[in-house]
Amino acid sequence: MPGDCCPSCVPEPPDACEKGRAAYVDLRAQLVDKYGSITCNSSAECALVQEDNLYQFACPIALPSSTTESFKSNIQQAEVSCSSCRLTDRAPILCETVIAACVNGRCTAQLTG
């Protein structure tokens, strides 16, 4: 406030988490499209990537091994948009056991067994 010697706390807008989630979902889709579009020649070139952050815990996705660190780094940057969300705001999810495989030139998560 004007004339105050110290800063005052300002509450987050009530829809800040929802807006952050929308931005995260959009960026995540772009990253999956970008890195998932890189072709593979064998399953050895594919790896599973797991998301576990403030916005979401997601089942593993398969991406080319050469892109997993970039994907993780970019998704961590995207998490900043969800800084107003609480860990309890994310939906619980159960994942099936999958492996990364190269199918028709794309890395995919394939069910085991």
C-alpha atoms as a PDB file:
ATOM      1  CA  MET A   1       0.000   0.000   0.000  1.00  0.00           C
ATOM      2  CA  PRO A   2       1.212   3.556  -0.629  1.00  0.00           C
ATOM      3  CA  GLY A   3       3.130   4.878   2.363  1.00  0.00           C
ATOM      4  CA  ASP A   4       3.771   1.417   3.838  1.00  0.00           C
ATOM      5  CA  CYS A   5       7.395   0.643   4.547  1.00  0.00           C
ATOM      6  CA  CYS A   6       6.998  -3.080   3.905  1.00  0.00           C
ATOM      7  CA  PRO A   7       5.315  -5.048   1.094  1.00  0.00           C
ATOM      8  CA  SER A   8       1.931  -6.613   1.762  1.00  0.00           C
ATOM      9  CA  CYS A   9       0.755 -10.050   0.774  1.00  0.00           C
ATOM     10  CA  VAL A  10      -1.695 -10.161  -2.100  1.00  0.00           C
ATOM     11  CA  PRO A  11      -3.835 -13.291  -2.411  1.00  0.00           C
ATOM     12  CA  GLU A  12      -3.773 -15.274  -5.669  1.00  0.00           C
ATOM     13  CA  PRO A  13      -6.840 -14.791  -7.852  1.00  0.00           C
ATOM     14  CA  PRO A  14      -9.347 -17.619  -7.203  1.00  0.00           C
ATOM     15  CA  ASP A  15      -8.932 -18.984 -10.750  1.00  0.00           C
ATOM     16  CA  ALA A  16      -5.108 -18.841 -10.827  1.00  0.00           C
ATOM     17  CA  CYS A  17      -4.734 -22.612 -10.504  1.00  0.00           C
ATOM     18  CA  GLU A  18      -7.240 -23.296 -13.306  1.00  0.00           C
ATOM     19  CA  LYS A  19      -5.512 -20.816 -15.624  1.00  0.00           C
ATOM     20  CA  GLY A  20      -2.144 -22.330 -14.764  1.00  0.00           C
ATOM     21  CA  ARG A  21      -3.461 -25.805 -15.500  1.00  0.00           C
ATOM     22  CA  ALA A  22      -4.783 -24.717 -18.885  1.00  0.00           C
ATOM     23  CA  ALA A  23      -1.374 -23.249 -19.772  1.00  0.00           C
ATOM     24  CA  TYR A  24       0.341 -26.437 -18.570  1.00  0.00           C
ATOM     25  CA  VAL A  25      -1.954 -28.711 -20.593  1.00  0.00           C
ATOM     26  CA  ASP A  26      -1.372 -26.634 -23.719  1.00  0.00           C
ATOM     27  CA  LEU A  27       2.416 -26.620 -23.355  1.00  0.00           C
ATOM     28  CA  ARG A  28       2.499 -30.325 -22.455  1.00  0.00           C
ATOM     29  CA  ALA A  29       0.567 -31.203 -25.620  1.00  0.00           C
ATOM     30  CA  GLN A  30       3.016 -29.160 -27.679  1.00  0.00           C
ATOM     31  CA  LEU A  31       5.986 -30.920 -26.069  1.00  0.00           C
ATOM     32  CA  VAL A  32       4.516 -34.397 -26.592  1.00  0.00           C
ATOM     33  CA  ASP A  33       3.808 -33.544 -30.245  1.00  0.00           C
ATOM     34  CA  LYS A  34       7.293 -32.080 -30.742  1.00  0.00           C
ATOM     35  CA  TYR A  35       9.293 -34.872 -29.141  1.00  0.00           C
ATOM     36  CA  GLY A  36       6.905 -37.655 -30.114  1.00  0.00           C
ATOM     37  CA  SER A  37       7.206 -36.759 -33.795  1.00  0.00           C
ATOM     38  CA  ILE A  38      10.855 -37.815 -33.883  1.00  0.00           C
ATOM     39  CA  THR A  39      11.126 -41.191 -35.564  1.00  0.00           C
ATOM     40  CA  CYS A  40      12.752 -44.333 -34.234  1.00  0.00           C
ATOM     41  CA  ASN A  41      14.236 -47.391 -35.913  1.00  0.00           C
ATOM     42  CA  SER A  42      14.194 -49.792 -32.963  1.00  0.00           C
ATOM     43  CA  SER A  43      12.713 -50.088 -29.491  1.00  0.00           C
ATOM     44  CA  ALA A  44      16.187 -49.534 -28.027  1.00  0.00           C
ATOM     45  CA  GLU A  45      15.822 -45.884 -29.123  1.00  0.00           C
ATOM     46  CA  CYS A  46      12.691 -45.380 -26.971  1.00  0.00           C
ATOM     47  CA  ALA A  47      12.244 -44.689 -23.251  1.00  0.00           C
ATOM     48  CA  LEU A  48       9.398 -44.062 -20.828  1.00  0.00           C
ATOM     49  CA  VAL A  49       8.950 -40.629 -19.251  1.00  0.00           C
ATOM     50  CA  GLN A  50       6.944 -40.121 -16.056  1.00  0.00           C
ATOM     51  CA  GLU A  51       5.346 -36.858 -14.939  1.00  0.00           C
ATOM     52  CA  ASP A  52       4.951 -36.258 -11.225  1.00  0.00           C
ATOM     53  CA  ASN A  53       4.569 -32.604 -10.320  1.00  0.00           C
ATOM     54  CA  LEU A  54       2.149 -30.089  -8.803  1.00  0.00           C
ATOM     55  CA  TYR A  55      -0.166 -30.279 -11.771  1.00  0.00           C
ATOM     56  CA  GLN A  56      -0.316 -33.939 -12.509  1.00  0.00           C
ATOM     57  CA  PHE A  57       0.861 -37.429 -11.973  1.00  0.00           C
ATOM     58  CA  ALA A  58       0.568 -38.996 -15.417  1.00  0.00           C
ATOM     59  CA  CYS A  59       1.054 -42.488 -16.692  1.00  0.00           C
ATOM     60  CA  PRO A  60       4.378 -42.984 -18.473  1.00  0.00           C
ATOM     61  CA  ILE A  61       4.615 -41.937 -22.089  1.00  0.00           C
ATOM     62  CA  ALA A  62       7.124 -43.232 -24.611  1.00  0.00           C
ATOM     63  CA  LEU A  63       9.480 -40.817 -26.338  1.00  0.00           C
ATOM     64  CA  PRO A  64      12.764 -41.188 -28.182  1.00  0.00           C
ATOM     65  CA  SER A  65      15.548 -41.682 -25.616  1.00  0.00           C
ATOM     66  CA  SER A  66      17.420 -38.737 -27.106  1.00  0.00           C
ATOM     67  CA  THR A  67      14.585 -36.370 -26.120  1.00  0.00           C
ATOM     68  CA  THR A  68      13.640 -37.490 -22.606  1.00  0.00           C
ATOM     69  CA  GLU A  69      15.920 -35.068 -20.740  1.00  0.00           C
ATOM     70  CA  SER A  70      14.718 -32.129 -22.848  1.00  0.00           C
ATOM     71  CA  PHE A  71      11.103 -33.145 -22.253  1.00  0.00           C
ATOM     72  CA  LYS A  72      11.681 -33.388 -18.479  1.00  0.00           C
ATOM     73  CA  SER A  73      13.413 -30.012 -18.396  1.00  0.00           C
ATOM     74  CA  ASN A  74      10.686 -28.303 -20.407  1.00  0.00           C
ATOM     75  CA  ILE A  75       7.887 -29.886 -18.394  1.00  0.00           C
ATOM     76  CA  GLN A  76       9.548 -28.647 -15.177  1.00  0.00           C
ATOM     77  CA  GLN A  77       9.511 -25.129 -16.616  1.00  0.00           C
ATOM     78  CA  ALA A  78       5.828 -25.565 -17.497  1.00  0.00           C
ATOM     79  CA  GLU A  79       5.120 -26.547 -13.895  1.00  0.00           C
ATOM     80  CA  VAL A  80       5.763 -22.936 -12.870  1.00  0.00           C
ATOM     81  CA  SER A  81       2.377 -22.037 -14.360  1.00  0.00           C
ATOM     82  CA  CYS A  82       0.795 -24.266 -11.683  1.00  0.00           C
ATOM     83  CA  SER A  83       2.591 -22.690  -8.737  1.00  0.00           C
ATOM     84  CA  SER A  84      -0.721 -21.622  -7.187  1.00  0.00           C
ATOM     85  CA  CYS A  85      -2.071 -25.194  -7.242  1.00  0.00           C
ATOM     86  CA  ARG A  86      -1.885 -27.524  -4.275  1.00  0.00           C
ATOM     87  CA  LEU A  87      -0.613 -31.076  -4.634  1.00  0.00           C
ATOM     88  CA  THR A  88      -4.043 -32.260  -3.463  1.00  0.00           C
ATOM     89  CA  ASP A  89      -5.672 -30.554  -6.479  1.00  0.00           C
ATOM     90  CA  ARG A  90      -4.385 -33.154  -8.927  1.00  0.00           C
ATOM     91  CA  ALA A  91      -6.562 -36.084  -9.843  1.00  0.00           C
ATOM     92  CA  PRO A  92      -5.515 -39.572  -8.721  1.00  0.00           C
ATOM     93  CA  ILE A  93      -4.688 -41.986 -11.522  1.00  0.00           C
ATOM     94  CA  LEU A  94      -3.827 -45.665 -11.840  1.00  0.00           C
ATOM     95  CA  CYS A  95      -1.422 -46.667 -14.588  1.00  0.00           C
ATOM     96  CA  GLU A  96      -1.036 -49.949 -16.383  1.00  0.00           C
ATOM     97  CA  THR A  97       2.420 -51.473 -16.697  1.00  0.00           C
ATOM     98  CA  VAL A  98       3.934 -50.506 -20.045  1.00  0.00           C
ATOM     99  CA  ILE A  99       7.196 -50.700 -21.946  1.00  0.00           C
ATOM    100  CA  ALA A 100       8.579 -48.329 -24.553  1.00  0.00           C
ATOM    101  CA  ALA A 101       8.559 -49.767 -28.067  1.00  0.00           C
ATOM    102  CA  CYS A 102       9.183 -48.492 -31.573  1.00  0.00           C
ATOM    103  CA  VAL A 103       6.063 -49.181 -33.648  1.00  0.00           C
ATOM    104  CA  ASN A 104       5.820 -47.950 -37.228  1.00  0.00           C
ATOM    105  CA  GLY A 105       8.674 -45.513 -36.639  1.00  0.00           C
ATOM    106  CA  ARG A 106       7.200 -43.924 -33.494  1.00  0.00           C
ATOM    107  CA  CYS A 107       7.914 -44.578 -29.835  1.00  0.00           C
ATOM    108  CA  THR A 108       4.793 -45.866 -28.102  1.00  0.00           C
ATOM    109  CA  ALA A 109       3.884 -47.183 -24.666  1.00  0.00           C
ATOM    110  CA  GLN A 110       2.875 -50.829 -25.050  1.00  0.00           C
ATOM    111  CA  LEU A 111       1.095 -52.878 -22.413  1.00  0.00           C
ATOM    112  CA  THR A 112       3.136 -55.694 -20.923  1.00  0.00           C
ATOM    113  CA  GLY A 113       1.820 -59.224 -20.667  1.00  0.00           C
END
